[in-house]
Amino acid sequence: MLQTRPDAPDTTQALLLTEGSISTVQPASLSDLSNITVIVLSHNHISVLGEQSFRNLPVLHTLLLDHNLLTSQALQGGALTNLTRLEVLALGHNLISMIRGGWFKGSEALRSLKLDGNLLTSLDSGSFPVDDLKHLESLDLSDNLIHHLDRSSFIGLVSLQTLDLSRNRLSSAPAEAFSYLSWLTKLNLDLNSWNCSCEMLDLATFLSTYMQQPGQILYNGRRMVCVNADNPAVTTVLELTEANCVPSNQNITVKIEPRSSVTPQLYARDLAITAVICFIGEKGDKGKWSAH
C-alpha cells in the first residue's frame, strides 16, 4: 500500500518508488505533494487505484505505472481522469484487456501514451473517442494481442504523429484506419500475422504512397511478412499489387456461344483453337511463376 512518506517535503518534485511490492495506491495518498511533476511507480504489484489516487497534483507532468498488475477494471474508477497537466502516461506491461477513451477524460494535455505489452485484442471507435485525447502525439500499442482494427479506431487522435502496432496478431487492417491521421509521420506494423490477399490491396497501396511522402517513415516495412498469401510469389505486404493479388492457380474460363449463322464445323474449329490457346497460356504461366 502506498502512503506519502513522512519525510517527503512539500517541495518534492519527483517521486520514484520502483522495484517494490506496492499493490494499492490509496485515494489522496499523494495529495500533500502539490509540487510534484514526476511519479514513477514502475515494477511493483499495483492492482488497485483509487479514484482520487492522483488528484490535487496540479503540476503532475509524468506518471509511469508500467510493469504492474493493473487490469481494465482497475482503470474504470476514474483514477486517470482530470489530470489536466499530465503529458506522459506509461501503462505498458500490465493486464489491460480493453481500453475506453473515457478513462482519460479531462486529461487533454496528454502527449504520450504507452500501452505496450498488455492483453488488448481489438480497437474500435470507442477506444479513443473524439476530444478525450485530441492532443496525443505518440501511441505505443506494440506487443499486444490485437487482431482487429476498425476504420474509426483512431478517429479521435487528430494530432497523432507516432503509432506503433508491431508484434500483434493483425492479419488485415483497413487503410482508412490510418489514412485520416493527417499528422502521422512514424508508423510501425511489422511482425504481425498478415494475410496477403486482395483484401489487403488498399492497405498495401496506402503504405506504398505513405512511404514516398517526405518525412514519413514506415518502420521495418520489409518485416511485414505474409503469413498467408494467395500468390506464393508475394512474401511481404509491400509486394502486393493489383496484378499479383490474384491467386496464382486461378483458372481462366473461356465461354463460346455458337450463333445460328455459325456452322457446326466452324464451331468445332473455334473450340479447338481455344483449347490450344489455353494450353499454351497455362504453360506460359507455369514458366513465369517458376522463374521468380
Protein backbone atom coordinates (compact mmCIF):
# COMPACT_ATOMS: atom_id res chain seq x y z
CA MET A 1 0.00 0.00 0.00
CA LEU A 2 1.33 3.43 -0.94
CA GLN A 3 1.22 6.23 1.58
CA THR A 4 3.11 9.52 1.48
CA ARG A 5 6.46 9.21 3.15
CA PRO A 6 6.59 11.22 6.38
CA ASP A 7 9.93 12.75 5.38
CA ALA A 8 8.79 13.85 1.91
CA PRO A 9 8.78 17.67 1.88
CA ASP A 10 6.03 19.67 0.24
CA THR A 11 8.55 20.88 -2.34
CA THR A 12 9.20 17.35 -3.68
CA GLN A 13 9.06 17.39 -7.49
CA ALA A 14 9.83 13.75 -8.33
CA LEU A 15 8.84 10.55 -6.54
CA LEU A 16 10.45 7.26 -7.63
CA LEU A 17 9.27 4.06 -5.96
CA THR A 18 10.24 1.19 -8.26
CA GLU A 19 11.07 -2.50 -7.93
CA GLY A 20 8.92 -2.77 -4.82
CA SER A 21 5.81 -4.55 -3.56
CA ILE A 22 3.26 -1.73 -3.70
CA SER A 23 -0.17 -3.19 -4.50
CA THR A 24 -2.55 -0.28 -3.89
CA VAL A 25 -2.41 3.48 -4.35
CA GLN A 26 -4.83 4.82 -1.76
CA PRO A 27 -7.09 7.78 -2.54
CA ALA A 28 -5.34 11.07 -1.90
CA SER A 29 -2.21 9.29 -0.64
CA LEU A 30 -0.08 11.76 -2.62
CA SER A 31 -2.21 14.85 -2.18
CA ASP A 32 0.30 16.57 0.12
CA LEU A 33 2.87 16.67 -2.69
CA SER A 34 1.31 19.57 -4.55
CA ASN A 35 4.56 20.49 -6.34
CA ILE A 36 5.28 17.04 -7.73
CA THR A 37 5.76 16.77 -11.50
CA VAL A 38 7.01 13.17 -11.92
CA ILE A 39 5.73 9.97 -10.29
CA VAL A 40 7.40 6.65 -11.14
CA LEU A 41 5.78 3.50 -9.72
CA SER A 42 7.11 1.03 -12.28
CA HIS A 43 7.85 -2.62 -11.48
CA ASN A 44 5.56 -3.02 -8.49
CA HIS A 45 2.45 -5.14 -7.90
CA ILE A 46 -0.16 -2.41 -8.22
CA SER A 47 -3.62 -3.77 -9.00
CA VAL A 48 -5.84 -1.18 -7.32
CA LEU A 49 -6.09 2.55 -8.00
CA GLY A 50 -8.43 4.81 -6.07
CA GLU A 51 -10.50 7.44 -7.85
CA GLN A 52 -8.56 10.17 -6.05
CA SER A 53 -5.14 8.50 -6.22
CA PHE A 54 -3.54 11.25 -8.31
CA ARG A 55 -5.86 14.18 -7.65
CA ASN A 56 -4.77 17.50 -6.16
CA LEU A 57 -1.49 17.25 -8.06
CA PRO A 58 -1.86 20.37 -10.21
CA VAL A 59 1.52 20.21 -11.96
CA LEU A 60 1.85 16.43 -12.45
CA HIS A 61 3.52 16.00 -15.85
CA THR A 62 4.71 12.37 -15.99
CA LEU A 63 3.11 9.24 -14.50
CA LEU A 64 4.76 5.85 -15.01
CA LEU A 65 2.72 2.81 -13.95
CA ASP A 66 4.28 0.25 -16.26
CA HIS A 67 5.13 -3.32 -15.22
CA ASN A 68 2.38 -3.72 -12.65
CA LEU A 69 -0.82 -5.79 -12.36
CA LEU A 70 -3.38 -3.22 -13.50
CA THR A 71 -6.48 -4.55 -15.26
CA SER A 72 -9.13 -2.77 -17.31
CA GLN A 73 -11.43 -2.87 -14.30
CA ALA A 74 -8.85 -1.08 -12.18
CA LEU A 75 -8.82 1.85 -14.62
CA GLN A 76 -12.60 2.26 -14.80
CA GLY A 77 -12.84 4.06 -11.48
CA GLY A 78 -11.63 7.40 -12.79
CA ALA A 79 -8.08 7.38 -11.41
CA LEU A 80 -6.70 8.75 -14.69
CA THR A 81 -9.37 11.37 -15.39
CA ASN A 82 -8.98 15.12 -15.00
CA LEU A 83 -5.19 15.05 -14.76
CA THR A 84 -5.14 18.37 -16.55
CA ARG A 85 -1.35 18.85 -16.84
CA LEU A 86 -0.36 15.23 -17.48
CA GLU A 87 1.62 14.79 -20.71
CA VAL A 88 3.30 11.36 -20.34
CA LEU A 89 1.48 8.23 -19.17
CA ALA A 90 3.02 4.73 -19.19
CA LEU A 91 0.70 1.74 -18.69
CA GLY A 92 2.79 -0.81 -20.51
CA HIS A 93 3.21 -4.41 -19.36
CA ASN A 94 0.09 -4.67 -17.25
CA LEU A 95 -3.02 -6.87 -17.64
CA ILE A 96 -5.22 -4.45 -19.60
CA SER A 97 -7.53 -6.33 -21.98
CA MET A 98 -9.70 -3.48 -23.26
CA ILE A 99 -9.45 0.28 -23.45
CA ARG A 100 -12.01 3.06 -23.29
CA GLY A 101 -11.18 6.66 -24.03
CA GLY A 102 -13.34 7.79 -21.13
CA TRP A 103 -10.56 6.68 -18.83
CA PHE A 104 -8.64 9.80 -19.87
CA LYS A 105 -11.49 12.30 -19.84
CA GLY A 106 -10.28 15.73 -18.79
CA SER A 107 -6.62 14.76 -19.34
CA GLU A 108 -6.45 16.66 -22.61
CA ALA A 109 -2.79 17.65 -22.24
CA LEU A 110 -1.65 14.03 -22.70
CA ARG A 111 1.01 13.77 -25.43
CA SER A 112 2.47 10.26 -24.99
CA LEU A 113 0.56 7.09 -24.07
CA LYS A 114 2.26 3.70 -23.74
CA LEU A 115 0.05 0.60 -23.66
CA ASP A 116 2.60 -1.91 -24.93
CA GLY A 117 2.81 -5.42 -23.56
CA ASN A 118 -0.81 -5.74 -22.44
CA LEU A 119 -3.68 -8.08 -23.40
CA LEU A 120 -5.56 -5.85 -25.85
CA THR A 121 -7.32 -7.78 -28.64
CA SER A 122 -9.30 -5.19 -30.61
CA LEU A 123 -9.77 -1.45 -31.05
CA ASP A 124 -12.97 0.25 -32.17
CA SER A 125 -14.42 3.75 -32.38
CA GLY A 126 -14.96 3.80 -28.62
CA SER A 127 -11.32 3.18 -27.77
CA PHE A 128 -10.12 6.72 -28.48
CA PRO A 129 -13.22 8.92 -28.88
CA VAL A 130 -13.12 12.44 -30.22
CA ASP A 131 -11.94 15.18 -27.81
CA ASP A 132 -10.60 12.96 -24.99
CA LEU A 133 -7.09 12.65 -26.45
CA LYS A 134 -7.07 15.28 -29.15
CA HIS A 135 -3.50 16.38 -28.34
CA LEU A 136 -1.97 12.89 -28.17
CA GLU A 137 1.13 12.66 -30.37
CA SER A 138 2.58 9.21 -29.60
CA LEU A 139 0.72 5.92 -29.04
CA ASP A 140 2.50 2.61 -28.36
CA LEU A 141 0.32 -0.49 -28.75
CA SER A 142 3.10 -2.95 -29.54
CA ASP A 143 3.34 -6.44 -28.03
CA ASN A 144 -0.39 -6.93 -27.53
CA LEU A 145 -2.85 -9.49 -28.93
CA ILE A 146 -4.63 -7.11 -31.30
CA HIS A 147 -6.28 -8.92 -34.21
CA HIS A 148 -8.96 -6.38 -35.18
CA LEU A 149 -8.90 -2.70 -36.13
CA ASP A 150 -11.96 -0.69 -37.02
CA ARG A 151 -11.94 2.00 -39.71
CA SER A 152 -12.50 4.54 -36.94
CA SER A 153 -10.25 3.02 -34.26
CA PHE A 154 -8.07 6.14 -34.09
CA ILE A 155 -10.59 8.72 -35.26
CA GLY A 156 -10.24 10.84 -32.12
CA LEU A 157 -6.45 11.09 -32.32
CA VAL A 158 -6.30 14.12 -34.60
CA SER A 159 -2.75 15.10 -33.55
CA LEU A 160 -1.17 11.63 -33.62
CA GLN A 161 2.34 11.55 -35.09
CA THR A 162 3.74 8.18 -33.97
CA LEU A 163 1.82 4.88 -33.91
CA ASP A 164 3.35 1.51 -33.02
CA LEU A 165 1.28 -1.63 -33.69
CA SER A 166 4.19 -4.01 -34.12
CA ARG A 167 4.20 -7.53 -32.68
CA ASN A 168 0.45 -8.04 -32.61
CA ARG A 169 -1.85 -10.54 -34.37
CA LEU A 170 -3.22 -8.43 -37.20
CA SER A 171 -3.99 -10.44 -40.33
CA SER A 172 -5.54 -7.47 -42.11
CA ALA A 173 -6.30 -3.81 -41.46
CA PRO A 174 -8.41 -1.20 -43.25
CA ALA A 175 -6.36 1.52 -44.90
CA GLU A 176 -8.92 4.03 -43.58
CA ALA A 177 -7.71 3.33 -40.04
CA PHE A 178 -4.56 5.29 -40.87
CA SER A 179 -5.37 7.46 -43.89
CA TYR A 180 -7.23 10.14 -41.90
CA LEU A 181 -4.29 10.59 -39.48
CA SER A 182 -3.01 13.63 -41.33
CA TRP A 183 -0.11 14.28 -38.93
CA LEU A 184 1.15 10.69 -38.80
CA THR A 185 4.89 10.58 -39.57
CA LYS A 186 6.03 7.33 -37.93
CA LEU A 187 4.17 4.03 -38.33
CA ASN A 188 5.23 0.53 -37.29
CA LEU A 189 3.19 -2.52 -38.38
CA ASP A 190 5.87 -5.20 -38.54
CA LEU A 191 5.78 -8.70 -37.04
CA ASN A 192 2.05 -9.29 -37.35
CA SER A 193 0.20 -12.20 -39.00
CA TRP A 194 -0.55 -10.64 -42.36
CA ASN A 195 -2.83 -12.47 -44.79
CA CYS A 196 -1.76 -11.14 -48.18
CA SER A 197 -4.92 -11.45 -50.23
CA CYS A 198 -6.67 -8.95 -52.49
CA GLU A 199 -8.49 -7.65 -49.41
CA MET A 200 -5.16 -6.17 -48.30
CA LEU A 201 -4.58 -4.29 -51.55
CA ASP A 202 -5.90 -0.95 -50.23
CA LEU A 203 -3.56 -1.10 -47.23
CA ALA A 204 -0.57 -2.04 -49.40
CA THR A 205 -1.33 0.85 -51.76
CA PHE A 206 -1.68 3.29 -48.86
CA LEU A 207 1.61 2.19 -47.29
CA SER A 208 3.49 2.48 -50.58
CA THR A 209 2.17 6.01 -51.04
CA TYR A 210 2.81 6.86 -47.39
CA MET A 211 6.48 5.87 -47.64
CA GLN A 212 7.02 8.17 -50.60
CA GLN A 213 5.93 11.27 -48.72
CA PRO A 214 8.73 13.46 -47.29
CA GLY A 215 9.27 12.96 -43.56
CA GLN A 216 7.02 9.90 -43.28
CA ILE A 217 8.58 6.67 -42.02
CA LEU A 218 7.26 3.11 -42.13
CA TYR A 219 9.46 1.21 -39.70
CA ASN A 220 10.67 -2.23 -40.77
CA GLY A 221 8.41 -2.39 -43.81
CA ARG A 222 10.34 -5.39 -45.10
CA ARG A 223 9.35 -7.28 -41.96
CA MET A 224 5.64 -7.03 -42.74
CA VAL A 225 5.89 -10.66 -43.82
CA CYS A 226 2.91 -12.55 -45.21
CA VAL A 227 1.96 -15.48 -43.00
CA ASN A 228 -0.56 -16.48 -45.67
CA ALA A 229 -0.64 -15.43 -49.32
CA ASP A 230 -2.86 -16.48 -52.23
CA ASN A 231 0.11 -15.92 -54.51
CA PRO A 232 3.32 -17.60 -53.27
CA ALA A 233 5.37 -15.00 -55.14
CA VAL A 234 4.15 -12.36 -52.66
CA THR A 235 6.16 -12.56 -49.43
CA THR A 236 5.54 -9.15 -47.82
CA VAL A 237 2.61 -6.75 -47.69
CA LEU A 238 4.51 -4.11 -49.65
CA GLU A 239 4.90 -6.51 -52.60
CA LEU A 240 1.15 -6.83 -53.00
CA THR A 241 -0.19 -5.15 -56.16
CA GLU A 242 -3.35 -5.28 -58.22
CA ALA A 243 -1.54 -7.50 -60.72
CA ASN A 244 -0.31 -10.16 -58.29
CA CYS A 245 -3.08 -10.30 -55.69
CA VAL A 246 -4.98 -12.73 -57.95
CA PRO A 247 -4.36 -16.33 -56.83
CA SER A 248 -1.62 -17.84 -58.99
CA ASN A 249 -3.60 -21.04 -59.60
CA GLN A 250 -6.80 -19.32 -60.64
CA ASN A 251 -8.22 -20.86 -63.81
CA ILE A 252 -9.39 -18.75 -66.74
CA THR A 253 -12.75 -19.75 -68.13
CA VAL A 254 -13.50 -19.04 -71.77
CA LYS A 255 -17.10 -19.28 -72.87
CA ILE A 256 -18.10 -19.52 -76.53
CA GLU A 257 -21.72 -19.30 -77.51
CA PRO A 258 -22.49 -20.53 -81.06
CA ARG A 259 -24.66 -18.33 -83.20
CA SER A 260 -27.18 -19.60 -85.67
CA SER A 261 -25.02 -18.36 -88.55
CA VAL A 262 -22.03 -20.45 -87.43
CA THR A 263 -21.84 -23.94 -88.87
CA PRO A 264 -21.07 -26.91 -86.64
CA GLN A 265 -17.72 -27.28 -88.42
CA LEU A 266 -16.68 -23.68 -87.65
CA TYR A 267 -17.87 -24.02 -84.06
CA ALA A 268 -15.75 -27.15 -83.59
CA ARG A 269 -12.78 -25.33 -85.09
CA ASP A 270 -13.22 -22.44 -82.64
CA LEU A 271 -13.31 -24.84 -79.72
CA ALA A 272 -10.09 -26.50 -80.89
CA ILE A 273 -8.33 -23.14 -81.26
CA THR A 274 -9.49 -22.09 -77.79
CA ALA A 275 -8.16 -25.31 -76.27
CA VAL A 276 -4.74 -24.75 -77.86
CA ILE A 277 -4.59 -21.14 -76.64
CA CYS A 278 -5.50 -22.14 -73.09
CA PHE A 279 -2.87 -24.92 -73.15
CA ILE A 280 -0.15 -22.51 -74.33
CA GLY A 281 -1.23 -19.89 -71.77
CA GLU A 282 -1.11 -22.43 -68.95
CA LYS A 283 2.42 -23.48 -69.87
CA GLY A 284 3.46 -19.85 -70.10
CA ASP A 285 2.06 -19.08 -66.64
CA LYS A 286 3.91 -22.02 -65.12
CA GLY A 287 7.13 -20.86 -66.68
CA LYS A 288 6.55 -17.32 -65.49
CA TRP A 289 5.99 -18.26 -61.83
CA SER A 290 8.87 -20.75 -61.79
CA ALA A 291 11.22 -18.01 -62.97
CA HIS A 292 10.64 -15.94 -59.82
